[in-house]
């Protein structure tokens, strides 16, 4: 398994931007699809975005399409989530995920990060 450490969560005003980072340990970063999920209080963990091992294919939840962008940097074993035009409903703990298969559901993930809090509020 790969170890994941997220960073970048913060308090931001509505309409603002934030970039989350997830650093992966080990030498096999390129063999994992990477993804981001989020969980708000009282709600289930939900899919936000994912990126394939090659970095070519990217997938987004409808709620974040056009506002969030996922990317990965192989030299740093890091995956990013650029979040623009943030809304109060984006408030949640954001989790980084890794798996050998395409990431679309929280139920099949093999490795999780510890989470980072994002709060969108004025």
N, C-alpha and C. Protein backbone atom coordinates (compact mmCIF):
# COMPACT_ATOMS: atom_id res chain seq x y z
N UNK A 1 0.83 -1.20 0.00
CA UNK A 1 0.00 0.00 0.00
C UNK A 1 0.86 1.25 0.00
N UNK A 2 0.25 2.33 -0.41
CA UNK A 2 0.93 3.61 -0.44
C UNK A 2 0.44 4.46 0.72
N UNK A 3 1.33 5.24 1.31
CA UNK A 3 0.96 6.14 2.39
C UNK A 3 0.66 7.53 1.81
N UNK A 4 -0.43 8.14 2.27
CA UNK A 4 -0.88 9.41 1.71
C UNK A 4 -0.99 10.46 2.81
N UNK A 5 -0.52 11.67 2.52
CA UNK A 5 -0.60 12.78 3.47
C UNK A 5 -1.12 14.02 2.75
N UNK A 6 -2.31 14.47 3.19
CA UNK A 6 -2.92 15.65 2.58
C UNK A 6 -2.48 16.92 3.29
N UNK A 7 -2.57 18.04 2.59
CA UNK A 7 -2.32 19.35 3.17
C UNK A 7 -3.04 20.39 2.33
N UNK A 8 -3.16 21.60 2.90
CA UNK A 8 -3.73 22.70 2.15
C UNK A 8 -5.13 23.12 2.57
N UNK A 9 -5.76 22.36 3.44
CA UNK A 9 -7.09 22.74 3.89
C UNK A 9 -7.04 24.04 4.69
N UNK A 10 -8.13 24.82 4.62
CA UNK A 10 -8.16 26.11 5.29
C UNK A 10 -9.58 26.65 5.32
N UNK A 11 -9.73 27.79 5.98
CA UNK A 11 -10.98 28.56 5.95
C UNK A 11 -10.87 29.56 4.80
N UNK A 12 -11.86 29.57 3.92
CA UNK A 12 -11.83 30.46 2.77
C UNK A 12 -13.23 31.05 2.56
N UNK A 13 -13.27 32.25 2.02
CA UNK A 13 -14.56 32.89 1.78
C UNK A 13 -15.23 32.34 0.52
N UNK A 14 -16.54 32.41 0.45
CA UNK A 14 -17.24 31.99 -0.77
C UNK A 14 -16.69 32.72 -1.99
N UNK A 15 -16.51 31.99 -3.07
CA UNK A 15 -15.92 32.54 -4.28
C UNK A 15 -14.41 32.46 -4.33
N UNK A 16 -13.81 32.06 -3.23
CA UNK A 16 -12.36 31.98 -3.16
C UNK A 16 -11.81 30.70 -3.76
N UNK A 17 -10.49 30.57 -3.68
CA UNK A 17 -9.79 29.41 -4.24
C UNK A 17 -8.89 28.78 -3.19
N UNK A 18 -8.60 27.51 -3.41
CA UNK A 18 -7.74 26.76 -2.52
C UNK A 18 -7.14 25.61 -3.31
N UNK A 19 -5.90 25.25 -2.99
CA UNK A 19 -5.29 24.08 -3.62
C UNK A 19 -4.89 23.07 -2.55
N UNK A 20 -5.43 21.88 -2.69
CA UNK A 20 -5.06 20.78 -1.79
C UNK A 20 -3.94 19.96 -2.43
N UNK A 21 -3.08 19.44 -1.58
CA UNK A 21 -1.99 18.58 -2.03
C UNK A 21 -2.05 17.25 -1.29
N UNK A 22 -1.61 16.21 -1.97
CA UNK A 22 -1.54 14.89 -1.35
C UNK A 22 -0.22 14.26 -1.76
N UNK A 23 0.66 14.07 -0.79
CA UNK A 23 1.97 13.48 -1.05
C UNK A 23 1.91 11.98 -0.79
N UNK A 24 2.39 11.22 -1.74
CA UNK A 24 2.37 9.76 -1.64
C UNK A 24 3.77 9.22 -1.41
N UNK A 25 3.89 8.24 -0.54
CA UNK A 25 5.19 7.64 -0.27
C UNK A 25 5.44 6.49 -1.23
N UNK A 26 6.68 6.06 -1.29
CA UNK A 26 7.01 4.90 -2.10
C UNK A 26 7.39 5.24 -3.52
N UNK A 27 7.80 4.22 -4.24
CA UNK A 27 8.30 4.39 -5.60
C UNK A 27 7.29 4.02 -6.66
N UNK A 28 6.05 3.67 -6.23
CA UNK A 28 5.08 3.16 -7.18
C UNK A 28 3.96 4.13 -7.44
N UNK A 29 4.21 5.42 -7.24
CA UNK A 29 3.16 6.44 -7.41
C UNK A 29 2.52 6.35 -8.78
N UNK A 30 3.31 6.12 -9.79
CA UNK A 30 2.79 6.10 -11.16
C UNK A 30 1.89 4.88 -11.45
N UNK A 31 1.89 3.91 -10.57
CA UNK A 31 1.05 2.73 -10.78
C UNK A 31 -0.32 2.86 -10.15
N UNK A 32 -0.57 3.97 -9.46
CA UNK A 32 -1.84 4.18 -8.79
C UNK A 32 -2.69 5.25 -9.48
N UNK A 33 -3.98 4.94 -9.60
CA UNK A 33 -4.93 6.00 -9.88
C UNK A 33 -5.11 6.76 -8.56
N UNK A 34 -5.31 8.06 -8.67
CA UNK A 34 -5.44 8.90 -7.48
C UNK A 34 -6.77 9.63 -7.50
N UNK A 35 -7.28 9.91 -6.31
CA UNK A 35 -8.56 10.58 -6.27
C UNK A 35 -8.75 11.41 -5.02
N UNK A 36 -9.80 12.21 -5.06
CA UNK A 36 -10.21 13.01 -3.90
C UNK A 36 -11.68 12.72 -3.60
N UNK A 37 -11.94 12.57 -2.30
CA UNK A 37 -13.30 12.42 -1.79
C UNK A 37 -13.51 13.48 -0.72
N UNK A 38 -14.76 13.68 -0.33
CA UNK A 38 -15.02 14.60 0.77
C UNK A 38 -16.19 14.07 1.61
N UNK A 39 -16.17 14.49 2.85
CA UNK A 39 -17.23 14.07 3.77
C UNK A 39 -17.62 15.24 4.65
N UNK A 40 -18.87 15.64 4.53
CA UNK A 40 -19.42 16.70 5.36
C UNK A 40 -20.05 16.07 6.60
N UNK A 41 -20.22 16.84 7.67
CA UNK A 41 -20.82 16.29 8.90
C UNK A 41 -22.18 15.68 8.64
N UNK A 42 -22.37 14.47 9.11
CA UNK A 42 -23.65 13.81 8.96
C UNK A 42 -23.93 13.22 7.60
N UNK A 43 -22.95 13.29 6.71
CA UNK A 43 -23.14 12.78 5.35
C UNK A 43 -22.12 11.70 5.03
N UNK A 44 -22.42 10.92 4.00
CA UNK A 44 -21.49 9.89 3.57
C UNK A 44 -20.33 10.51 2.79
N UNK A 45 -19.24 9.78 2.75
CA UNK A 45 -18.10 10.21 1.96
C UNK A 45 -18.46 10.13 0.48
N UNK A 46 -18.17 11.20 -0.26
CA UNK A 46 -18.57 11.25 -1.66
C UNK A 46 -17.38 11.51 -2.57
N UNK A 47 -17.47 10.99 -3.76
CA UNK A 47 -16.45 11.16 -4.78
C UNK A 47 -16.41 12.61 -5.25
N UNK A 48 -15.20 13.14 -5.43
CA UNK A 48 -15.02 14.50 -5.93
C UNK A 48 -14.33 14.48 -7.30
N UNK A 49 -13.18 13.83 -7.38
CA UNK A 49 -12.42 13.80 -8.63
C UNK A 49 -11.40 12.68 -8.59
N UNK A 50 -11.00 12.21 -9.77
CA UNK A 50 -9.94 11.21 -9.84
C UNK A 50 -9.14 11.39 -11.13
N UNK A 51 -7.95 10.81 -11.13
CA UNK A 51 -7.05 10.91 -12.26
C UNK A 51 -6.38 9.56 -12.47
N UNK A 52 -6.23 9.19 -13.72
CA UNK A 52 -5.67 7.88 -14.03
C UNK A 52 -4.17 7.83 -13.78
N UNK A 53 -3.61 6.62 -13.88
CA UNK A 53 -2.18 6.44 -13.66
C UNK A 53 -1.36 7.28 -14.64
N UNK A 54 -1.84 7.39 -15.87
CA UNK A 54 -1.12 8.15 -16.90
C UNK A 54 -1.32 9.65 -16.78
N UNK A 55 -2.36 10.04 -16.03
CA UNK A 55 -2.67 11.46 -15.92
C UNK A 55 -3.53 11.98 -17.06
N UNK A 56 -3.85 11.12 -17.99
CA UNK A 56 -4.60 11.55 -19.17
C UNK A 56 -6.11 11.63 -18.88
N UNK A 57 -6.62 10.62 -18.19
CA UNK A 57 -8.06 10.58 -17.91
C UNK A 57 -8.36 11.20 -16.56
N UNK A 58 -9.35 12.08 -16.56
CA UNK A 58 -9.77 12.75 -15.32
C UNK A 58 -11.28 12.66 -15.22
N UNK A 59 -11.76 12.51 -14.00
CA UNK A 59 -13.19 12.36 -13.76
C UNK A 59 -13.60 13.29 -12.62
N UNK A 60 -14.80 13.85 -12.74
CA UNK A 60 -15.28 14.80 -11.74
C UNK A 60 -16.73 14.52 -11.38
N UNK A 61 -17.06 14.82 -10.13
CA UNK A 61 -18.46 14.82 -9.74
C UNK A 61 -19.14 16.01 -10.41
N UNK A 62 -20.41 15.85 -10.71
CA UNK A 62 -21.14 16.93 -11.38
C UNK A 62 -21.11 18.22 -10.56
N UNK A 63 -21.10 18.09 -9.25
CA UNK A 63 -21.17 19.26 -8.37
C UNK A 63 -19.91 20.12 -8.43
N UNK A 64 -18.80 19.57 -8.95
CA UNK A 64 -17.55 20.34 -8.97
C UNK A 64 -17.02 20.58 -10.38
N UNK A 65 -17.67 20.03 -11.39
CA UNK A 65 -17.21 20.21 -12.77
C UNK A 65 -17.15 21.69 -13.13
N UNK A 66 -16.04 22.08 -13.74
CA UNK A 66 -15.85 23.46 -14.14
C UNK A 66 -15.28 24.34 -13.04
N UNK A 67 -15.23 23.81 -11.81
CA UNK A 67 -14.69 24.60 -10.70
C UNK A 67 -13.42 23.97 -10.12
N UNK A 68 -13.36 22.65 -10.09
CA UNK A 68 -12.22 21.93 -9.51
C UNK A 68 -11.40 21.29 -10.62
N UNK A 69 -10.10 21.20 -10.40
CA UNK A 69 -9.20 20.55 -11.34
C UNK A 69 -8.23 19.64 -10.59
N UNK A 70 -8.16 18.39 -11.02
CA UNK A 70 -7.22 17.44 -10.42
C UNK A 70 -6.01 17.32 -11.33
N UNK A 71 -4.83 17.19 -10.72
CA UNK A 71 -3.60 17.01 -11.49
C UNK A 71 -2.62 16.21 -10.64
N UNK A 72 -1.56 15.71 -11.28
CA UNK A 72 -0.54 14.97 -10.55
C UNK A 72 0.84 15.32 -11.06
N UNK A 73 1.79 15.30 -10.16
CA UNK A 73 3.17 15.64 -10.46
C UNK A 73 4.04 14.45 -10.07
N UNK A 74 4.54 13.71 -11.05
CA UNK A 74 5.24 12.46 -10.80
C UNK A 74 6.57 12.68 -10.09
N UNK A 75 7.26 13.76 -10.40
CA UNK A 75 8.57 14.02 -9.78
C UNK A 75 8.45 14.23 -8.28
N UNK A 76 7.26 14.68 -7.83
CA UNK A 76 7.05 14.94 -6.41
C UNK A 76 6.11 13.92 -5.77
N UNK A 77 5.69 12.91 -6.52
CA UNK A 77 4.74 11.91 -5.99
C UNK A 77 3.54 12.59 -5.35
N UNK A 78 3.00 13.59 -6.01
CA UNK A 78 1.95 14.41 -5.42
C UNK A 78 0.78 14.58 -6.38
N UNK A 79 -0.40 14.56 -5.81
CA UNK A 79 -1.61 14.86 -6.56
C UNK A 79 -2.23 16.11 -5.96
N UNK A 80 -2.81 16.94 -6.82
CA UNK A 80 -3.37 18.22 -6.39
C UNK A 80 -4.85 18.29 -6.70
N UNK A 81 -5.54 19.13 -5.94
CA UNK A 81 -6.93 19.47 -6.26
C UNK A 81 -7.04 20.98 -6.18
N UNK A 82 -7.12 21.62 -7.34
CA UNK A 82 -7.31 23.06 -7.40
C UNK A 82 -8.81 23.34 -7.33
N UNK A 83 -9.21 24.11 -6.34
CA UNK A 83 -10.63 24.39 -6.13
C UNK A 83 -10.88 25.88 -6.30
N UNK A 84 -11.70 26.23 -7.27
CA UNK A 84 -12.04 27.63 -7.53
C UNK A 84 -13.54 27.85 -7.32
N UNK A 85 -13.92 29.10 -7.21
CA UNK A 85 -15.34 29.46 -7.03
C UNK A 85 -15.98 28.64 -5.92
N UNK A 86 -15.31 28.59 -4.80
CA UNK A 86 -15.78 27.74 -3.70
C UNK A 86 -17.11 28.23 -3.14
N UNK A 87 -17.93 27.26 -2.73
CA UNK A 87 -19.26 27.52 -2.18
C UNK A 87 -19.33 26.96 -0.76
N UNK A 88 -20.23 27.47 0.05
CA UNK A 88 -20.39 26.93 1.40
C UNK A 88 -20.65 25.42 1.41
N UNK A 89 -21.33 24.93 0.39
CA UNK A 89 -21.62 23.49 0.33
C UNK A 89 -20.39 22.65 -0.01
N UNK A 90 -19.28 23.28 -0.30
CA UNK A 90 -18.02 22.55 -0.50
C UNK A 90 -17.33 22.26 0.83
N UNK A 91 -17.87 22.80 1.91
CA UNK A 91 -17.28 22.58 3.23
C UNK A 91 -17.33 21.09 3.59
N UNK A 92 -16.17 20.55 3.93
CA UNK A 92 -16.05 19.12 4.25
C UNK A 92 -14.61 18.80 4.61
N UNK A 93 -14.43 17.58 5.10
CA UNK A 93 -13.08 17.04 5.21
C UNK A 93 -12.77 16.37 3.88
N UNK A 94 -11.66 16.73 3.29
CA UNK A 94 -11.26 16.19 1.98
C UNK A 94 -10.20 15.11 2.18
N UNK A 95 -10.44 13.97 1.54
CA UNK A 95 -9.55 12.83 1.67
C UNK A 95 -8.92 12.48 0.33
N UNK A 96 -7.65 12.17 0.39
CA UNK A 96 -6.93 11.68 -0.78
C UNK A 96 -7.04 10.16 -0.81
N UNK A 97 -7.10 9.59 -2.01
CA UNK A 97 -7.24 8.15 -2.15
C UNK A 97 -6.37 7.62 -3.27
N UNK A 98 -5.96 6.37 -3.12
CA UNK A 98 -5.16 5.71 -4.14
C UNK A 98 -5.66 4.29 -4.35
N UNK A 99 -5.62 3.85 -5.60
CA UNK A 99 -6.05 2.48 -5.89
C UNK A 99 -5.46 2.07 -7.23
N UNK A 100 -5.33 0.78 -7.43
CA UNK A 100 -4.79 0.28 -8.69
C UNK A 100 -5.80 0.35 -9.82
N UNK A 101 -7.07 0.45 -9.48
CA UNK A 101 -8.14 0.54 -10.47
C UNK A 101 -8.67 1.96 -10.55
N UNK A 102 -9.45 2.21 -11.59
CA UNK A 102 -10.08 3.53 -11.74
C UNK A 102 -10.89 3.86 -10.50
N UNK A 103 -10.80 5.08 -10.05
CA UNK A 103 -11.46 5.50 -8.82
C UNK A 103 -12.77 6.21 -9.12
N UNK A 104 -13.87 5.62 -8.64
CA UNK A 104 -15.17 6.27 -8.78
C UNK A 104 -16.01 6.11 -7.53
N UNK A 105 -15.61 5.19 -6.65
CA UNK A 105 -16.40 4.90 -5.46
C UNK A 105 -15.51 4.74 -4.26
N UNK A 106 -16.04 5.16 -3.09
CA UNK A 106 -15.26 5.06 -1.86
C UNK A 106 -15.13 3.63 -1.36
N UNK A 107 -15.98 2.73 -1.84
CA UNK A 107 -16.02 1.38 -1.29
C UNK A 107 -14.87 0.50 -1.75
N UNK A 108 -14.16 0.90 -2.80
CA UNK A 108 -13.11 0.03 -3.35
C UNK A 108 -11.70 0.56 -3.15
N UNK A 109 -11.56 1.62 -2.40
CA UNK A 109 -10.27 2.28 -2.23
C UNK A 109 -9.34 1.46 -1.34
N UNK A 110 -8.08 1.31 -1.76
CA UNK A 110 -7.12 0.54 -0.98
C UNK A 110 -6.32 1.39 -0.01
N UNK A 111 -6.15 2.68 -0.29
CA UNK A 111 -5.36 3.55 0.59
C UNK A 111 -6.03 4.91 0.74
N UNK A 112 -6.07 5.39 1.98
CA UNK A 112 -6.67 6.69 2.30
C UNK A 112 -5.66 7.56 3.03
N UNK A 113 -5.79 8.87 2.84
CA UNK A 113 -5.07 9.82 3.67
C UNK A 113 -5.88 10.10 4.92
N UNK A 114 -5.34 10.98 5.77
CA UNK A 114 -6.00 11.26 7.06
C UNK A 114 -7.05 12.35 6.94
N UNK A 115 -7.05 13.09 5.84
CA UNK A 115 -8.05 14.13 5.61
C UNK A 115 -7.55 15.52 5.96
N UNK A 116 -8.10 16.51 5.29
CA UNK A 116 -7.80 17.91 5.57
C UNK A 116 -9.09 18.71 5.49
N UNK A 117 -9.28 19.61 6.46
CA UNK A 117 -10.55 20.34 6.57
C UNK A 117 -10.58 21.54 5.63
N UNK A 118 -11.66 21.64 4.88
CA UNK A 118 -11.93 22.81 4.06
C UNK A 118 -13.24 23.43 4.53
N UNK A 119 -13.19 24.70 4.91
CA UNK A 119 -14.38 25.40 5.37
C UNK A 119 -14.57 26.64 4.51
N UNK A 120 -15.75 26.73 3.91
CA UNK A 120 -16.08 27.88 3.05
C UNK A 120 -17.16 28.68 3.77
N UNK A 121 -16.76 29.85 4.23
CA UNK A 121 -17.67 30.66 5.03
C UNK A 121 -17.22 32.11 5.04
N UNK A 122 -18.20 33.00 5.12
CA UNK A 122 -17.87 34.43 5.23
C UNK A 122 -17.81 34.85 6.68
